[in-house]
Amino acid sequence: MQKEELIQLHTFLLQLRTYIENITKNTNLQAFLTYEKLNIGPHKIHKSKKEHKLAIFELSKGIANLLQKNNYFVFQKMYNDLDKTCNQLKNNK
């Protein structure tokens, strides 16, 4: 995936996060703590492709966490898989 495509995906996932928080009436900041700590938003185009990729996985992990905490248990496995992927990406820096 090209960097521009990653930034577009990052933007979409951020919008999806807001939407899910609104419909579930849940703003579980703990679910997105690792994403927020990265301080890599889609508007930070100077960040590397690898950094945006990690941010996308952390954001996806937070979304899966938020959904599984709201009785969408099917997302538990997805959350676990995303967590493993994020850890691998962090270790490959």
C-alpha atoms as a PDB file:
ATOM      1  CA  MET A   1       0.000   0.000   0.000  1.00  0.00           C
ATOM      2  CA  GLN A   2       1.241   3.468  -0.845  1.00  0.00           C
ATOM      3  CA  LYS A   3       1.661   6.088   1.871  1.00  0.00           C
ATOM      4  CA  GLU A   4      -1.242   8.157   0.490  1.00  0.00           C
ATOM      5  CA  GLU A   5      -3.516   5.106   0.690  1.00  0.00           C
ATOM      6  CA  LEU A   6      -2.430   4.464   4.277  1.00  0.00           C
ATOM      7  CA  ILE A   7      -3.257   8.066   5.175  1.00  0.00           C
ATOM      8  CA  GLN A   8      -6.698   7.705   3.575  1.00  0.00           C
ATOM      9  CA  LEU A   9      -7.318   4.484   5.503  1.00  0.00           C
ATOM     10  CA  HIS A  10      -6.114   6.163   8.687  1.00  0.00           C
ATOM     11  CA  THR A  11      -8.585   9.010   8.108  1.00  0.00           C
ATOM     12  CA  PHE A  12     -11.430   6.556   7.497  1.00  0.00           C
ATOM     13  CA  LEU A  13     -10.663   4.587  10.655  1.00  0.00           C
ATOM     14  CA  LEU A  14     -10.610   7.778  12.707  1.00  0.00           C
ATOM     15  CA  GLN A  15     -14.055   8.654  11.329  1.00  0.00           C
ATOM     16  CA  LEU A  16     -15.229   5.106  12.072  1.00  0.00           C
ATOM     17  CA  ARG A  17     -13.995   5.440  15.646  1.00  0.00           C
ATOM     18  CA  THR A  18     -16.044   8.608  16.116  1.00  0.00           C
ATOM     19  CA  TYR A  19     -19.107   6.975  14.573  1.00  0.00           C
ATOM     20  CA  ILE A  20     -18.857   3.867  16.778  1.00  0.00           C
ATOM     21  CA  GLU A  21     -18.309   5.978  19.891  1.00  0.00           C
ATOM     22  CA  ASN A  22     -21.452   7.939  19.013  1.00  0.00           C
ATOM     23  CA  ILE A  23     -23.712   4.948  18.332  1.00  0.00           C
ATOM     24  CA  THR A  24     -22.523   2.993  21.361  1.00  0.00           C
ATOM     25  CA  LYS A  25     -22.474   6.128  23.513  1.00  0.00           C
ATOM     26  CA  ASN A  26     -19.102   4.926  24.722  1.00  0.00           C
ATOM     27  CA  THR A  27     -15.953   6.995  24.742  1.00  0.00           C
ATOM     28  CA  ASN A  28     -13.651   4.440  26.317  1.00  0.00           C
ATOM     29  CA  LEU A  29     -10.397   6.358  26.135  1.00  0.00           C
ATOM     30  CA  GLN A  30      -8.516   3.337  27.507  1.00  0.00           C
ATOM     31  CA  ALA A  31      -9.315   1.461  24.276  1.00  0.00           C
ATOM     32  CA  PHE A  32      -7.339   4.060  22.309  1.00  0.00           C
ATOM     33  CA  LEU A  33      -4.607   4.868  24.809  1.00  0.00           C
ATOM     34  CA  THR A  34      -1.778   3.242  22.809  1.00  0.00           C
ATOM     35  CA  TYR A  35      -3.019   4.932  19.622  1.00  0.00           C
ATOM     36  CA  GLU A  36      -3.144   8.343  21.312  1.00  0.00           C
ATOM     37  CA  LYS A  37       0.352   7.870  22.788  1.00  0.00           C
ATOM     38  CA  LEU A  38       1.758   7.428  19.276  1.00  0.00           C
ATOM     39  CA  ASN A  39       0.690  10.991  18.463  1.00  0.00           C
ATOM     40  CA  ILE A  40       0.369  10.082  14.782  1.00  0.00           C
ATOM     41  CA  GLY A  41      -2.785  11.422  13.182  1.00  0.00           C
ATOM     42  CA  PRO A  42      -3.656  11.142   9.499  1.00  0.00           C
ATOM     43  CA  HIS A  43      -2.900  14.855   9.126  1.00  0.00           C
ATOM     44  CA  LYS A  44       0.757  14.248  10.067  1.00  0.00           C
ATOM     45  CA  ILE A  45       1.879  13.529   6.535  1.00  0.00           C
ATOM     46  CA  HIS A  46       5.548  13.993   7.439  1.00  0.00           C
ATOM     47  CA  LYS A  47       5.453  10.780   9.500  1.00  0.00           C
ATOM     48  CA  SER A  48       6.824   7.673   7.826  1.00  0.00           C
ATOM     49  CA  LYS A  49       4.800   5.009   6.107  1.00  0.00           C
ATOM     50  CA  LYS A  50       5.768   2.576   8.858  1.00  0.00           C
ATOM     51  CA  GLU A  51       4.534   4.967  11.577  1.00  0.00           C
ATOM     52  CA  HIS A  52       1.179   5.400   9.831  1.00  0.00           C
ATOM     53  CA  LYS A  53       0.900   1.640   9.453  1.00  0.00           C
ATOM     54  CA  LEU A  54       1.433   1.162  13.191  1.00  0.00           C
ATOM     55  CA  ALA A  55      -1.100   3.909  13.940  1.00  0.00           C
ATOM     56  CA  ILE A  56      -3.657   2.175  11.700  1.00  0.00           C
ATOM     57  CA  PHE A  57      -3.197  -1.123  13.512  1.00  0.00           C
ATOM     58  CA  GLU A  58      -3.385   0.542  16.945  1.00  0.00           C
ATOM     59  CA  LEU A  59      -6.525   2.413  15.918  1.00  0.00           C
ATOM     60  CA  SER A  60      -8.072  -0.781  14.518  1.00  0.00           C
ATOM     61  CA  LYS A  61      -7.206  -2.563  17.746  1.00  0.00           C
ATOM     62  CA  GLY A  62      -8.954   0.174  19.726  1.00  0.00           C
ATOM     63  CA  ILE A  63     -12.054  -0.068  17.528  1.00  0.00           C
ATOM     64  CA  ALA A  64     -12.159  -3.853  17.961  1.00  0.00           C
ATOM     65  CA  ASN A  65     -11.699  -3.412  21.716  1.00  0.00           C
ATOM     66  CA  LEU A  66     -14.532  -0.890  21.878  1.00  0.00           C
ATOM     67  CA  LEU A  67     -16.854  -3.175  19.918  1.00  0.00           C
ATOM     68  CA  GLN A  68     -16.084  -6.316  21.905  1.00  0.00           C
ATOM     69  CA  LYS A  69     -16.642  -4.405  25.163  1.00  0.00           C
ATOM     70  CA  ASN A  70     -20.102  -3.491  23.839  1.00  0.00           C
ATOM     71  CA  ASN A  71     -21.211  -7.124  23.536  1.00  0.00           C
ATOM     72  CA  TYR A  72     -19.875  -7.682  20.054  1.00  0.00           C
ATOM     73  CA  PHE A  73     -17.801 -10.621  21.237  1.00  0.00           C
ATOM     74  CA  VAL A  74     -16.904 -11.658  17.710  1.00  0.00           C
ATOM     75  CA  PHE A  75     -14.327  -8.854  17.820  1.00  0.00           C
ATOM     76  CA  GLN A  76     -12.344 -10.450  20.683  1.00  0.00           C
ATOM     77  CA  LYS A  77     -10.283 -12.616  18.311  1.00  0.00           C
ATOM     78  CA  MET A  78      -9.768  -9.660  15.976  1.00  0.00           C
ATOM     79  CA  TYR A  79      -8.561  -7.564  18.912  1.00  0.00           C
ATOM     80  CA  ASN A  80      -6.118 -10.297  19.969  1.00  0.00           C
ATOM     81  CA  ASP A  81      -4.751 -10.655  16.423  1.00  0.00           C
ATOM     82  CA  LEU A  82      -4.365  -6.886  16.034  1.00  0.00           C
ATOM     83  CA  ASP A  83      -2.604  -6.693  19.393  1.00  0.00           C
ATOM     84  CA  LYS A  84      -0.065  -9.297  18.236  1.00  0.00           C
ATOM     85  CA  THR A  85       0.486  -7.443  14.968  1.00  0.00           C
ATOM     86  CA  CYS A  86       1.018  -4.130  16.782  1.00  0.00           C
ATOM     87  CA  ASN A  87       3.576  -5.702  19.087  1.00  0.00           C
ATOM     88  CA  GLN A  88       5.418  -7.189  16.114  1.00  0.00           C
ATOM     89  CA  LEU A  89       5.468  -3.824  14.335  1.00  0.00           C
ATOM     90  CA  LYS A  90       6.800  -2.098  17.457  1.00  0.00           C
ATOM     91  CA  ASN A  91       9.541  -4.695  17.877  1.00  0.00           C
ATOM     92  CA  ASN A  92      10.656  -4.311  14.248  1.00  0.00           C
ATOM     93  CA  LYS A  93      11.527  -0.614  14.601  1.00  0.00           C
END
